[in-house]
Amino acid sequence: MNWLNAEAFTAFDQHIKWSDMIGNIIGLAALALGWKRSIWTWPAQFVSGLILFAAFAVGHLSGSAGKQVVVMVVAAMGWLAWTRGRKNAQDGSIAVRFATWKERGLMVAAAAAGTVAVALLFKAFPHLSWDPWPDAYIFVGTIVAMYAQARGMVEFWFAWLLVDLVGVPLNFANGYAFSGFVYVIYGALVLWGMRDWWLRSRATAPALEGAPA
């Protein structure tokens, strides 16, 4: 499997690796499938995570590599959650909704606490990551985003945007140029997906008690 981490080509003085390119192309497909609320988003995310794990592990980016392990675990959980959701829905579709304020608060608190905890772990063991804070931020942010996606929350798109803001410059700085380029495309897909889920959540939201339907 060494060919996965070999150089595929060079563009604009950036060395593109096969693993970086293939993993992110599959990741783009997974994001597009998530936009369409297709259950196949989860197998695609699992395969993407597996390939990118190989890429980042070789580059000694433990946070980014560990993130891919979490991606694979949550992808399996998301598959199960969406499968149950489709069985329970009358039309067989995946229901989407906005998180409650309590859920939002818990996710923000978990993201903040998790980022600090993981960053301190990386600082205590420097061989795990040479850039502990952004690596920890991406690691924890990805967990929060995928958790929200598995629960059908519109906020998962916002979480991905926040991850991208740090992920793009970090990938370019660490030699994963294709990941950087793809994350820019991710940003556009996230905005379109966010709009679609937002409209769907409004269309399916139940009317408040006492309010006109």
Protein backbone atom coordinates (compact mmCIF):
# COMPACT_ATOMS: atom_id res chain seq x y z
CA MET A 1 0.00 0.00 0.00
CA ASN A 2 3.04 2.30 -0.11
CA TRP A 3 1.88 3.68 -3.45
CA LEU A 4 -0.98 5.46 -1.61
CA ASN A 5 1.51 7.79 0.04
CA ALA A 6 3.59 8.27 -3.09
CA GLU A 7 3.46 11.50 -5.06
CA ALA A 8 0.78 11.57 -7.75
CA PHE A 9 1.78 14.85 -9.42
CA THR A 10 2.97 18.38 -8.74
CA ALA A 11 0.77 21.46 -9.23
CA PHE A 12 1.71 25.06 -8.45
CA ASP A 13 4.83 23.80 -6.64
CA GLN A 14 2.65 21.62 -4.39
CA HIS A 15 3.32 17.87 -4.21
CA ILE A 16 0.04 15.97 -4.41
CA LYS A 17 -0.07 12.53 -2.79
CA TRP A 18 -2.31 9.72 -4.03
CA SER A 19 -3.82 9.12 -0.58
CA ASP A 20 -4.52 12.81 -0.06
CA MET A 21 -6.19 13.09 -3.47
CA ILE A 22 -8.24 9.88 -3.47
CA GLY A 23 -9.38 10.21 0.14
CA ASN A 24 -10.60 13.76 -0.37
CA ILE A 25 -12.38 13.02 -3.64
CA ILE A 26 -14.34 10.30 -1.85
CA GLY A 27 -14.89 12.75 1.00
CA LEU A 28 -16.40 15.24 -1.43
CA ALA A 29 -18.74 12.54 -2.70
CA ALA A 30 -19.72 11.75 0.90
CA LEU A 31 -20.54 15.40 1.57
CA ALA A 32 -22.66 15.60 -1.59
CA LEU A 33 -24.52 12.43 -0.53
CA GLY A 34 -25.09 13.96 2.91
CA TRP A 35 -26.57 17.03 1.24
CA LYS A 36 -29.02 14.72 -0.58
CA ARG A 37 -29.70 12.90 2.70
CA SER A 38 -28.55 9.63 1.13
CA ILE A 39 -27.63 6.90 3.59
CA TRP A 40 -24.64 6.10 1.35
CA THR A 41 -22.92 9.17 2.76
CA TRP A 42 -21.76 7.02 5.68
CA PRO A 43 -19.97 4.21 3.75
CA ALA A 44 -18.31 6.90 1.63
CA GLN A 45 -17.15 8.73 4.76
CA PHE A 46 -15.81 5.48 6.19
CA VAL A 47 -13.71 4.72 3.08
CA SER A 48 -12.49 8.32 2.90
CA GLY A 49 -11.46 8.17 6.56
CA LEU A 50 -9.58 4.93 6.04
CA ILE A 51 -7.52 6.31 3.16
CA LEU A 52 -6.83 9.67 4.81
CA PHE A 53 -5.77 7.92 8.01
CA ALA A 54 -2.95 6.32 6.03
CA ALA A 55 -1.99 9.71 4.63
CA PHE A 56 -1.87 11.60 7.91
CA ALA A 57 -0.33 8.78 9.94
CA VAL A 58 2.71 8.78 7.65
CA GLY A 59 2.94 12.57 8.04
CA HIS A 60 2.94 12.21 11.87
CA LEU A 61 -0.18 14.38 12.18
CA SER A 62 -1.72 12.40 15.02
CA GLY A 63 -4.67 14.74 15.48
CA SER A 64 -5.67 14.56 11.83
CA ALA A 65 -4.99 10.81 11.72
CA GLY A 66 -6.97 10.27 14.93
CA LYS A 67 -9.76 12.34 13.44
CA GLN A 68 -10.07 9.80 10.65
CA VAL A 69 -10.44 6.98 13.19
CA VAL A 70 -13.30 8.94 14.75
CA VAL A 71 -14.74 9.54 11.26
CA MET A 72 -14.86 5.79 10.69
CA VAL A 73 -16.45 5.06 14.08
CA VAL A 74 -19.06 7.81 13.73
CA ALA A 75 -19.73 6.76 10.13
CA ALA A 76 -20.74 3.33 11.43
CA MET A 77 -22.93 4.95 14.10
CA GLY A 78 -24.44 7.34 11.55
CA TRP A 79 -25.28 4.45 9.24
CA LEU A 80 -27.19 2.75 12.08
CA ALA A 81 -28.94 5.97 13.16
CA TRP A 82 -30.05 6.89 9.64
CA THR A 83 -31.15 3.31 8.94
CA ARG A 84 -33.42 3.43 12.00
CA GLY A 85 -34.60 6.91 11.01
CA ARG A 86 -35.63 5.75 7.55
CA LYS A 87 -37.55 2.81 9.01
CA ASN A 88 -39.43 5.09 11.39
CA ALA A 89 -40.26 7.75 8.78
CA GLN A 90 -43.51 7.38 6.87
CA ASP A 91 -41.93 8.31 3.55
CA GLY A 92 -38.62 6.54 4.16
CA SER A 93 -36.65 9.81 4.18
CA ILE A 94 -34.21 11.20 6.73
CA ALA A 95 -35.78 13.94 8.87
CA VAL A 96 -33.65 17.02 9.53
CA ARG A 97 -34.15 19.67 12.21
CA PHE A 98 -32.48 22.48 14.10
CA ALA A 99 -30.93 21.58 17.42
CA THR A 100 -32.54 22.89 20.59
CA TRP A 101 -30.70 25.63 22.50
CA LYS A 102 -29.79 23.04 25.12
CA GLU A 103 -28.27 20.77 22.47
CA ARG A 104 -26.36 23.69 20.97
CA GLY A 105 -25.00 24.68 24.36
CA LEU A 106 -23.90 21.13 25.11
CA MET A 107 -22.15 20.81 21.73
CA VAL A 108 -20.33 24.13 22.13
CA ALA A 109 -19.26 23.22 25.67
CA ALA A 110 -18.13 19.76 24.60
CA ALA A 111 -16.19 21.23 21.66
CA ALA A 112 -14.41 23.77 23.86
CA ALA A 113 -13.59 21.32 26.65
CA GLY A 114 -12.58 18.61 24.19
CA THR A 115 -10.28 20.92 22.25
CA VAL A 116 -8.47 22.01 25.43
CA ALA A 117 -8.16 18.43 26.68
CA VAL A 118 -6.83 17.06 23.39
CA ALA A 119 -4.45 19.99 22.89
CA LEU A 120 -3.01 19.49 26.40
CA LEU A 121 -2.56 15.81 25.61
CA PHE A 122 -0.66 16.69 22.43
CA LYS A 123 1.49 19.18 24.35
CA ALA A 124 2.26 16.57 27.00
CA PHE A 125 3.32 14.12 24.28
CA PRO A 126 4.88 16.31 21.54
CA HIS A 127 5.52 13.36 19.24
CA LEU A 128 1.75 13.08 18.71
CA SER A 129 1.50 16.45 16.98
CA TRP A 130 3.83 19.35 16.29
CA ASP A 131 0.87 21.76 15.96
CA PRO A 132 -1.30 20.76 18.95
CA TRP A 133 -3.99 23.47 19.15
CA PRO A 134 -5.23 23.52 15.53
CA ASP A 135 -4.82 19.74 15.34
CA ALA A 136 -6.97 19.35 18.47
CA TYR A 137 -9.52 21.86 17.18
CA ILE A 138 -9.97 19.92 13.93
CA PHE A 139 -10.10 16.59 15.75
CA VAL A 140 -12.83 17.65 18.18
CA GLY A 141 -14.70 19.81 15.65
CA THR A 142 -15.04 16.85 13.33
CA ILE A 143 -16.51 14.72 16.12
CA VAL A 144 -19.09 17.41 16.90
CA ALA A 145 -19.98 17.91 13.23
CA MET A 146 -20.47 14.21 12.55
CA TYR A 147 -22.46 13.73 15.75
CA ALA A 148 -24.80 16.52 14.66
CA GLN A 149 -25.07 14.99 11.18
CA ALA A 150 -25.94 11.58 12.61
CA ARG A 151 -28.72 13.25 14.66
CA GLY A 152 -30.01 15.07 11.56
CA MET A 153 -29.19 18.54 12.94
CA VAL A 154 -28.82 21.47 10.53
CA GLU A 155 -26.04 22.78 12.78
CA PHE A 156 -23.69 20.11 11.47
CA TRP A 157 -23.09 22.32 8.42
CA PHE A 158 -22.06 25.23 10.64
CA ALA A 159 -19.67 22.94 12.52
CA TRP A 160 -18.03 21.86 9.25
CA LEU A 161 -17.54 25.49 8.24
CA LEU A 162 -15.75 26.20 11.52
CA VAL A 163 -13.52 23.16 11.00
CA ASP A 164 -12.70 24.31 7.45
CA LEU A 165 -11.55 27.73 8.66
CA VAL A 166 -8.62 26.06 10.42
CA GLY A 167 -8.30 22.95 8.25
CA VAL A 168 -7.52 24.79 5.00
CA PRO A 169 -4.40 26.69 6.17
CA LEU A 170 -3.25 23.75 8.30
CA ASN A 171 -3.33 21.34 5.36
CA PHE A 172 -1.40 23.73 3.11
CA ALA A 173 1.19 24.33 5.84
CA ASN A 174 1.73 20.60 6.38
CA GLY A 175 2.13 19.62 2.73
CA TYR A 176 -1.37 18.29 2.09
CA ALA A 177 -2.17 20.71 -0.68
CA PHE A 178 -4.94 18.64 -2.24
CA SER A 179 -6.74 18.57 1.10
CA GLY A 180 -6.43 22.35 1.21
CA PHE A 181 -7.88 22.78 -2.27
CA VAL A 182 -10.67 20.31 -1.58
CA TYR A 183 -11.58 22.00 1.70
CA VAL A 184 -12.25 25.18 -0.29
CA ILE A 185 -14.72 23.18 -2.41
CA TYR A 186 -16.10 21.69 0.80
CA GLY A 187 -16.91 25.24 1.88
CA ALA A 188 -19.10 25.85 -1.18
CA LEU A 189 -20.87 22.49 -0.80
CA VAL A 190 -21.42 23.15 2.89
CA LEU A 191 -23.14 26.47 2.13
CA TRP A 192 -25.45 24.84 -0.45
CA GLY A 193 -26.13 21.87 1.82
CA MET A 194 -26.84 24.17 4.73
CA ARG A 195 -29.45 26.04 2.66
CA ASP A 196 -31.12 22.79 1.57
CA TRP A 197 -31.32 21.34 5.09
CA TRP A 198 -32.43 24.71 6.47
CA LEU A 199 -35.37 24.85 4.03
CA ARG A 200 -36.28 21.21 4.66
CA SER A 201 -36.24 21.72 8.44
CA ARG A 202 -38.59 24.71 8.11
CA ALA A 203 -40.91 22.78 5.80
CA THR A 204 -41.20 19.84 8.20
CA ALA A 205 -41.17 21.74 11.50
CA PRO A 206 -44.40 21.25 13.50
CA ALA A 207 -46.47 24.35 14.19
CA LEU A 208 -46.22 25.78 17.71
CA GLU A 209 -49.18 25.13 19.98
CA GLY A 210 -51.70 27.98 19.63
CA ALA A 211 -49.99 29.31 16.49
CA PRO A 212 -51.62 29.22 13.04
CA ALA A 213 -50.43 26.29 10.89
